[in-house]
Amino acid sequence: MSDDAVYQLITANFPALRVPAAVAARLPALVPRRRLAEGRSLFVQGQRPTAFYAVAAGAIESRFTGADGRISVLGDVAPPRFFGLAAFAAGLPAEYEAVARGASEVFVIGREAYTLLMDEVPGFARALMAEFARRYDGTLRQLQAARHLAAPERFRLALAQLAGERGVPAGGGWAQVQATQSELAQLAHVSRQTANELLAAAEADGQVRRGRGRWWWRDRA
């Protein structure tokens, strides 16, 4: 791992943060990478994680197994997003399983690195809290949408949520989003066929441009 890879990870998630040089110099030794083969679990449901993570390459699928044994896919985590913090910080069992989708690689942020970032990087704790509060709000909106809104409104909220979580500015008001049509369908609680129809409608309306495994979103609200 290059000496500035962890620094780049943090600034990619929180561009406004300024990591002190002394902290940046210590991070590479404290944040190793871990490679995962396709289908390999990083942690399982009910396990108490000893670290939290960020995706360096590939994708990590989060999925939940119900009491009846049925598996529900919650979504995919793409680079450079953090995940697994809630169970790690609270010392509680994980509520979901994290599984590699294809060959993947993650940054492993253990207790020592976490303490260094929280204590020595001004604003890191606030930035992390704001990020997970935003995700929690997005989850609540999706739960509300699943109960009360029609499919087009649920799909629009799913588009906006993924764009907010993964969007990378692409100029002209567009944000590039690394996400599959299946993820959109799962998040919006619609079938893949319905997701394809709604995505085509959004593209015809000029709000979305589609590519392979990614799309571009322009919020005109």
Foldseek 3Di string as FASTA:
>chain_A
DDLCPVVVLVCVLPVVWDADPVLSNPPVVQKDKDKDAAFDWPDAFQAQDQFWKFWPDAKKWKWAQDPVRDIATPAIHHPGDIDDVPSNVVVGGDRTIIGGHHITMMITHGDVNVCCCVPRTPPSVVSVVVVVVLVVVLVVVLVVCVPDNDLLVLLVSLVVSQCVRAFDDDDPQKTKGQADLVRSCSSSVHDSVVSVVSQVVCVVVVQWADDVRMIMGHDPD
